[in-house]
C-alpha atoms as a PDB file:
ATOM      1  CA  MET A   1      40.136  21.215-185.960  1.00  0.00           C
ATOM      2  CA  THR A   2      39.940  22.158-182.702  1.00  0.00           C
ATOM      3  CA  PRO A   3      36.766  22.049-180.242  1.00  0.00           C
ATOM      4  CA  ASN A   4      36.511  25.358-179.664  1.00  0.00           C
ATOM      5  CA  SER A   5      36.499  26.331-183.895  1.00  0.00           C
ATOM      6  CA  SER A   6      34.181  24.172-184.775  1.00  0.00           C
ATOM      7  CA  LEU A   7      31.228  26.207-181.863  1.00  0.00           C
ATOM      8  CA  ARG A   8      32.491  29.335-183.441  1.00  0.00           C
ATOM      9  CA  PRO A   9      30.146  29.307-186.607  1.00  0.00           C
ATOM     10  CA  VAL A  10      27.061  27.721-184.712  1.00  0.00           C
ATOM     11  CA  ARG A  11      27.553  30.585-182.138  1.00  0.00           C
ATOM     12  CA  ARG A  12      27.570  33.485-184.580  1.00  0.00           C
ATOM     13  CA  ILE A  13      24.242  32.524-185.931  1.00  0.00           C
ATOM     14  CA  PRO A  14      21.766  33.129-183.184  1.00  0.00           C
ATOM     15  CA  LEU A  15      23.982  36.503-182.396  1.00  0.00           C
ATOM     16  CA  LEU A  16      23.279  37.603-185.917  1.00  0.00           C
ATOM     17  CA  TRP A  17      19.464  36.999-185.397  1.00  0.00           C
ATOM     18  CA  ALA A  18      19.551  38.618-182.147  1.00  0.00           C
ATOM     19  CA  CYS A  19      21.018  41.975-183.137  1.00  0.00           C
ATOM     20  CA  LEU A  20      19.177  41.794-186.708  1.00  0.00           C
ATOM     21  CA  PRO A  21      15.960  43.335-184.979  1.00  0.00           C
ATOM     22  CA  LEU A  22      18.053  46.079-183.258  1.00  0.00           C
ATOM     23  CA  GLY A  23      19.504  47.108-186.259  1.00  0.00           C
ATOM     24  CA  LEU A  24      16.317  47.490-188.029  1.00  0.00           C
ATOM     25  CA  LEU A  25      14.905  49.589-184.782  1.00  0.00           C
ATOM     26  CA  PHE A  26      17.784  51.929-184.586  1.00  0.00           C
ATOM     27  CA  GLY A  27      17.731  52.138-188.644  1.00  0.00           C
ATOM     28  CA  GLY A  28      14.703  53.053-189.222  1.00  0.00           C
ATOM     29  CA  CYS A  29      14.683  55.162-186.270  1.00  0.00           C
ATOM     30  CA  ALA A  30      17.087  57.422-187.864  1.00  0.00           C
ATOM     31  CA  THR A  31      15.489  57.385-191.488  1.00  0.00           C
ATOM     32  CA  THR A  32      11.863  59.402-189.867  1.00  0.00           C
ATOM     33  CA  GLY A  33      12.885  63.253-189.266  1.00  0.00           C
ATOM     34  CA  PRO A  34      10.976  64.863-186.204  1.00  0.00           C
ATOM     35  CA  ALA A  35       6.938  65.259-186.524  1.00  0.00           C
ATOM     36  CA  SER A  36       5.898  68.238-188.109  1.00  0.00           C
ATOM     37  CA  ALA A  37       4.124  71.137-186.050  1.00  0.00           C
ATOM     38  CA  PRO A  38       0.533  71.981-187.078  1.00  0.00           C
ATOM     39  CA  ALA A  39       0.113  74.999-188.962  1.00  0.00           C
ATOM     40  CA  PRO A  40      -0.520  77.732-187.263  1.00  0.00           C
ATOM     41  CA  ALA A  41      -4.346  79.435-187.616  1.00  0.00           C
ATOM     42  CA  PRO A  42      -4.535  82.625-189.442  1.00  0.00           C
ATOM     43  CA  ALA A  43      -4.153  85.747-187.587  1.00  0.00           C
ATOM     44  CA  TYR A  44      -7.161  88.566-186.873  1.00  0.00           C
ATOM     45  CA  PHE A  45      -7.124  91.717-188.240  1.00  0.00           C
ATOM     46  CA  LEU A  46      -9.153  94.613-187.512  1.00  0.00           C
ATOM     47  CA  SER A  47     -10.883  95.898-190.177  1.00  0.00           C
ATOM     48  CA  ARG A  48     -10.577 100.001-190.762  1.00  0.00           C
ATOM     49  CA  ASP A  49     -13.714 100.911-188.740  1.00  0.00           C
ATOM     50  CA  GLY A  50     -12.593  98.528-185.752  1.00  0.00           C
ATOM     51  CA  ALA A  51     -15.934  96.886-185.470  1.00  0.00           C
ATOM     52  CA  ILE A  52     -14.874  93.474-187.563  1.00  0.00           C
ATOM     53  CA  ARG A  53     -11.942  91.100-186.864  1.00  0.00           C
ATOM     54  CA  TYR A  54     -11.278  89.057-189.942  1.00  0.00           C
ATOM     55  CA  ARG A  55      -8.600  86.368-191.466  1.00  0.00           C
ATOM     56  CA  VAL A  56      -7.145  86.518-194.490  1.00  0.00           C
ATOM     57  CA  PRO A  57      -7.630  83.373-196.788  1.00  0.00           C
ATOM     58  CA  PRO A  58      -4.671  81.246-198.232  1.00  0.00           C
ATOM     59  CA  GLY A  59      -3.573  82.796-201.783  1.00  0.00           C
ATOM     60  CA  TRP A  60      -5.132  86.233-200.812  1.00  0.00           C
ATOM     61  CA  PHE A  61      -3.911  89.286-199.921  1.00  0.00           C
ATOM     62  CA  ASP A  62      -5.282  92.546-197.518  1.00  0.00           C
ATOM     63  CA  ALA A  63      -5.369  95.181-199.609  1.00  0.00           C
ATOM     64  CA  THR A  64      -7.469  97.389-196.796  1.00  0.00           C
ATOM     65  CA  PRO A  65      -4.549  99.777-195.894  1.00  0.00           C
ATOM     66  CA  ASP A  66      -3.593 100.431-199.604  1.00  0.00           C
ATOM     67  CA  THR A  67      -6.983 101.581-200.768  1.00  0.00           C
ATOM     68  CA  VAL A  68      -8.059 104.959-200.720  1.00  0.00           C
ATOM     69  CA  ALA A  69     -11.484 104.378-200.442  1.00  0.00           C
ATOM     70  CA  ALA A  70     -12.799 104.994-197.174  1.00  0.00           C
ATOM     71  CA  GLU A  71     -15.846 103.236-197.552  1.00  0.00           C
ATOM     72  CA  ARG A  72     -14.295  99.748-198.007  1.00  0.00           C
ATOM     73  CA  THR A  73     -14.012  98.736-194.319  1.00  0.00           C
ATOM     74  CA  VAL A  74     -12.147  95.407-195.669  1.00  0.00           C
ATOM     75  CA  TRP A  75     -10.531  95.101-199.169  1.00  0.00           C
ATOM     76  CA  LEU A  76      -9.074  91.280-200.194  1.00  0.00           C
ATOM     77  CA  VAL A  77      -7.574  90.183-203.294  1.00  0.00           C
ATOM     78  CA  ARG A  78      -6.641  87.169-204.476  1.00  0.00           C
ATOM     79  CA  ASP A  79      -3.062  86.484-205.634  1.00  0.00           C
ATOM     80  CA  ASP A  80      -3.615  86.004-209.349  1.00  0.00           C
ATOM     81  CA  TYR A  81      -6.148  89.248-209.159  1.00  0.00           C
ATOM     82  CA  ALA A  82      -8.725  86.659-210.078  1.00  0.00           C
ATOM     83  CA  GLY A  83     -11.235  88.255-207.514  1.00  0.00           C
ATOM     84  CA  SER A  84     -11.875  90.280-204.365  1.00  0.00           C
ATOM     85  CA  LEU A  85     -13.449  90.599-201.470  1.00  0.00           C
ATOM     86  CA  THR A  86     -14.758  93.923-199.896  1.00  0.00           C
ATOM     87  CA  VAL A  87     -16.960  94.570-196.848  1.00  0.00           C
ATOM     88  CA  GLN A  88     -18.753  97.711-196.805  1.00  0.00           C
ATOM     89  CA  GLN A  89     -20.834  99.753-194.314  1.00  0.00           C
ATOM     90  CA  VAL A  90     -24.459 100.168-195.959  1.00  0.00           C
ATOM     91  CA  HIS A  91     -26.085 103.088-194.612  1.00  0.00           C
ATOM     92  CA  THR A  92     -29.491 103.592-194.435  1.00  0.00           C
ATOM     93  CA  ARG A  93     -32.350 105.371-192.741  1.00  0.00           C
ATOM     94  CA  ALA A  94     -35.627 103.744-194.151  1.00  0.00           C
ATOM     95  CA  VAL A  95     -35.140 100.345-192.116  1.00  0.00           C
ATOM     96  CA  ASN A  96     -35.693 100.089-188.067  1.00  0.00           C
ATOM     97  CA  ARG A  97     -33.199  98.775-186.341  1.00  0.00           C
ATOM     98  CA  ALA A  98     -35.205  96.083-184.396  1.00  0.00           C
ATOM     99  CA  ASP A  99     -36.491  95.140-187.898  1.00  0.00           C
ATOM    100  CA  LEU A 100     -32.861  93.962-189.226  1.00  0.00           C
ATOM    101  CA  GLY A 101     -32.970  90.072-188.576  1.00  0.00           C
ATOM    102  CA  GLY A 102     -36.062  90.189-190.598  1.00  0.00           C
ATOM    103  CA  GLU A 103     -37.726  91.749-193.756  1.00  0.00           C
ATOM    104  CA  GLY A 104     -35.950  94.469-193.043  1.00  0.00           C
ATOM    105  CA  LEU A 105     -32.750  92.907-193.949  1.00  0.00           C
ATOM    106  CA  LEU A 106     -34.139  91.798-197.207  1.00  0.00           C
ATOM    107  CA  GLN A 107     -35.610  95.054-198.215  1.00  0.00           C
ATOM    108  CA  VAL A 108     -32.311  96.321-197.958  1.00  0.00           C
ATOM    109  CA  ALA A 109     -30.882  93.530-200.332  1.00  0.00           C
ATOM    110  CA  LYS A 110     -33.342  94.413-202.466  1.00  0.00           C
ATOM    111  CA  LEU A 111     -32.561  98.321-202.833  1.00  0.00           C
ATOM    112  CA  THR A 112     -28.366  97.978-203.051  1.00  0.00           C
ATOM    113  CA  ALA A 113     -29.654  95.236-206.301  1.00  0.00           C
ATOM    114  CA  ALA A 114     -31.332  97.611-207.477  1.00  0.00           C
ATOM    115  CA  LEU A 115     -28.815 100.420-207.444  1.00  0.00           C
ATOM    116  CA  GLU A 116     -25.495  98.189-208.095  1.00  0.00           C
ATOM    117  CA  THR A 117     -27.321  96.964-211.344  1.00  0.00           C
ATOM    118  CA  SER A 118     -28.525 100.680-212.272  1.00  0.00           C
ATOM    119  CA  SER A 119     -25.113 101.813-211.435  1.00  0.00           C
ATOM    120  CA  ARG A 120     -23.047 100.025-213.893  1.00  0.00           C
ATOM    121  CA  PRO A 121     -24.775  98.055-216.708  1.00  0.00           C
ATOM    122  CA  GLY A 122     -25.884  94.600-215.056  1.00  0.00           C
ATOM    123  CA  ILE A 123     -28.585  91.669-214.746  1.00  0.00           C
ATOM    124  CA  LEU A 124     -29.704  90.261-211.415  1.00  0.00           C
ATOM    125  CA  SER A 125     -28.979  86.651-211.649  1.00  0.00           C
ATOM    126  CA  ARG A 126     -30.192  85.866-208.239  1.00  0.00           C
ATOM    127  CA  GLU A 127     -32.923  87.252-206.334  1.00  0.00           C
ATOM    128  CA  PRO A 128     -32.184  88.445-202.768  1.00  0.00           C
ATOM    129  CA  GLU A 129     -32.881  85.536-200.436  1.00  0.00           C
ATOM    130  CA  HIS A 130     -32.313  84.841-196.802  1.00  0.00           C
ATOM    131  CA  HIS A 131     -28.881  83.123-196.513  1.00  0.00           C
ATOM    132  CA  PRO A 132     -27.041  81.897-193.395  1.00  0.00           C
ATOM    133  CA  ALA A 133     -23.541  83.219-192.644  1.00  0.00           C
ATOM    134  CA  GLY A 134     -21.374  82.946-189.870  1.00  0.00           C
ATOM    135  CA  GLY A 135     -24.084  82.313-187.479  1.00  0.00           C
ATOM    136  CA  LYS A 136     -26.019  85.406-188.274  1.00  0.00           C
ATOM    137  CA  GLU A 137     -29.069  85.918-190.417  1.00  0.00           C
ATOM    138  CA  ALA A 138     -28.052  87.331-193.646  1.00  0.00           C
ATOM    139  CA  VAL A 139     -29.405  87.738-197.500  1.00  0.00           C
ATOM    140  CA  SER A 140     -27.895  87.374-200.516  1.00  0.00           C
ATOM    141  CA  TYR A 141     -28.105  87.720-204.208  1.00  0.00           C
ATOM    142  CA  ASP A 142     -26.031  87.692-207.409  1.00  0.00           C
ATOM    143  CA  VAL A 143     -25.347  90.478-210.461  1.00  0.00           C
ATOM    144  CA  GLU A 144     -23.778  89.716-213.787  1.00  0.00           C
ATOM    145  CA  TYR A 145     -22.493  93.013-215.708  1.00  0.00           C
ATOM    146  CA  SER A 146     -22.646  93.143-219.432  1.00  0.00           C
ATOM    147  CA  GLY A 147     -19.568  94.053-221.055  1.00  0.00           C
ATOM    148  CA  SER A 148     -16.831  93.006-218.580  1.00  0.00           C
ATOM    149  CA  GLY A 149     -18.358  89.634-217.712  1.00  0.00           C
ATOM    150  CA  ASP A 150     -17.563  90.614-214.288  1.00  0.00           C
ATOM    151  CA  ARG A 151     -19.865  88.213-211.487  1.00  0.00           C
ATOM    152  CA  THR A 152     -20.739  89.580-207.847  1.00  0.00           C
ATOM    153  CA  ARG A 153     -22.316  87.585-204.713  1.00  0.00           C
ATOM    154  CA  THR A 154     -23.137  90.391-202.139  1.00  0.00           C
ATOM    155  CA  VAL A 155     -23.937  89.047-198.433  1.00  0.00           C
ATOM    156  CA  LEU A 156     -25.922  91.854-196.310  1.00  0.00           C
ATOM    157  CA  LEU A 157     -25.810  90.811-192.478  1.00  0.00           C
ATOM    158  CA  ALA A 158     -26.564  93.084-189.344  1.00  0.00           C
ATOM    159  CA  ALA A 159     -24.488  93.260-186.300  1.00  0.00           C
ATOM    160  CA  ASP A 160     -24.277  95.522-183.886  1.00  0.00           C
ATOM    161  CA  GLY A 161     -26.813  97.598-185.142  1.00  0.00           C
ATOM    162  CA  ARG A 162     -24.871  98.431-188.507  1.00  0.00           C
ATOM    163  CA  ILE A 163     -25.675  96.773-192.000  1.00  0.00           C
ATOM    164  CA  TYR A 164     -22.292  95.185-193.536  1.00  0.00           C
ATOM    165  CA  ALA A 165     -22.443  93.935-197.184  1.00  0.00           C
ATOM    166  CA  VAL A 166     -19.532  91.450-197.870  1.00  0.00           C
ATOM    167  CA  THR A 167     -19.274  91.215-201.627  1.00  0.00           C
ATOM    168  CA  ALA A 168     -17.116  88.966-203.979  1.00  0.00           C
ATOM    169  CA  LEU A 169     -16.076  89.533-207.091  1.00  0.00           C
ATOM    170  CA  VAL A 170     -15.346  87.349-210.129  1.00  0.00           C
ATOM    171  CA  ASN A 171     -13.222  89.243-212.787  1.00  0.00           C
ATOM    172  CA  GLY A 172     -14.682  88.369-216.528  1.00  0.00           C
ATOM    173  CA  GLY A 173     -11.394  87.346-217.888  1.00  0.00           C
ATOM    174  CA  ALA A 174     -10.731  84.764-214.435  1.00  0.00           C
ATOM    175  CA  PRO A 175      -9.635  81.121-215.603  1.00  0.00           C
ATOM    176  CA  PRO A 176     -12.233  78.314-215.410  1.00  0.00           C
ATOM    177  CA  GLY A 177     -13.356  76.960-211.849  1.00  0.00           C
ATOM    178  CA  ALA A 178     -12.406  80.648-210.066  1.00  0.00           C
ATOM    179  CA  GLU A 179     -16.506  81.550-209.473  1.00  0.00           C
ATOM    180  CA  ARG A 180     -16.593  78.446-207.383  1.00  0.00           C
ATOM    181  CA  ASP A 181     -13.505  79.264-205.776  1.00  0.00           C
ATOM    182  CA  ILE A 182     -13.710  82.738-205.046  1.00  0.00           C
ATOM    183  CA  PHE A 183     -17.284  81.793-203.688  1.00  0.00           C
ATOM    184  CA  GLY A 184     -16.585  79.365-201.719  1.00  0.00           C
ATOM    185  CA  VAL A 185     -13.843  81.936-200.026  1.00  0.00           C
ATOM    186  CA  LEU A 186     -16.387  83.939-199.535  1.00  0.00           C
ATOM    187  CA  GLN A 187     -18.064  81.337-197.095  1.00  0.00           C
ATOM    188  CA  ALA A 188     -15.540  80.996-195.369  1.00  0.00           C
ATOM    189  CA  PHE A 189     -14.852  84.024-194.656  1.00  0.00           C
ATOM    190  CA  LEU A 190     -17.997  84.974-193.670  1.00  0.00           C
ATOM    191  CA  SER A 191     -17.779  81.934-191.067  1.00  0.00           C
ATOM    192  CA  ALA A 192     -14.232  82.798-189.781  1.00  0.00           C
ATOM    193  CA  LEU A 193     -15.791  87.045-189.319  1.00  0.00           C
ATOM    194  CA  ARG A 194     -15.603  87.787-185.141  1.00  0.00           C
ATOM    195  CA  TRP A 195     -17.733  91.208-184.372  1.00  0.00           C
END
């Protein structure tokens, strides 16, 4: 055995230990992919009357361009058709515009709730009450319809001298838990509205 051959195994071990961290470092970098970019915020759409900007919630689609009902300013439908959201302007001459933020809006809600339950067989399951929505004063109420089993939550709010009714409809045949989800989407929709 030559003096140089006995040193070779000794020199290889420190070299192996010195290269091991570099191999792990570069090997780890190769297995991680690029960081994913955050999802862009949903775009705003303009209502038919041009007064409201709104976002379409995930799992819903905008049916506003397809409706022939002119009174629907916005009409959104859940992908499984278990529910919908509509925005309609409420036309009334009985309430002074200056009183829309107070009891006047509550009176309009009582009137629209009475009209709603008389036009279809339904009962008022929650009386109109003040309800903050998207930073604006609002009034809401719930209706249950006999026969179909449909349920609605309507939120009335005043903006720019107009009164709007935003209604979430839960179809009677909706899957369990759909009511909570749809009414939750209503709250998120109201919070995202821009006037």
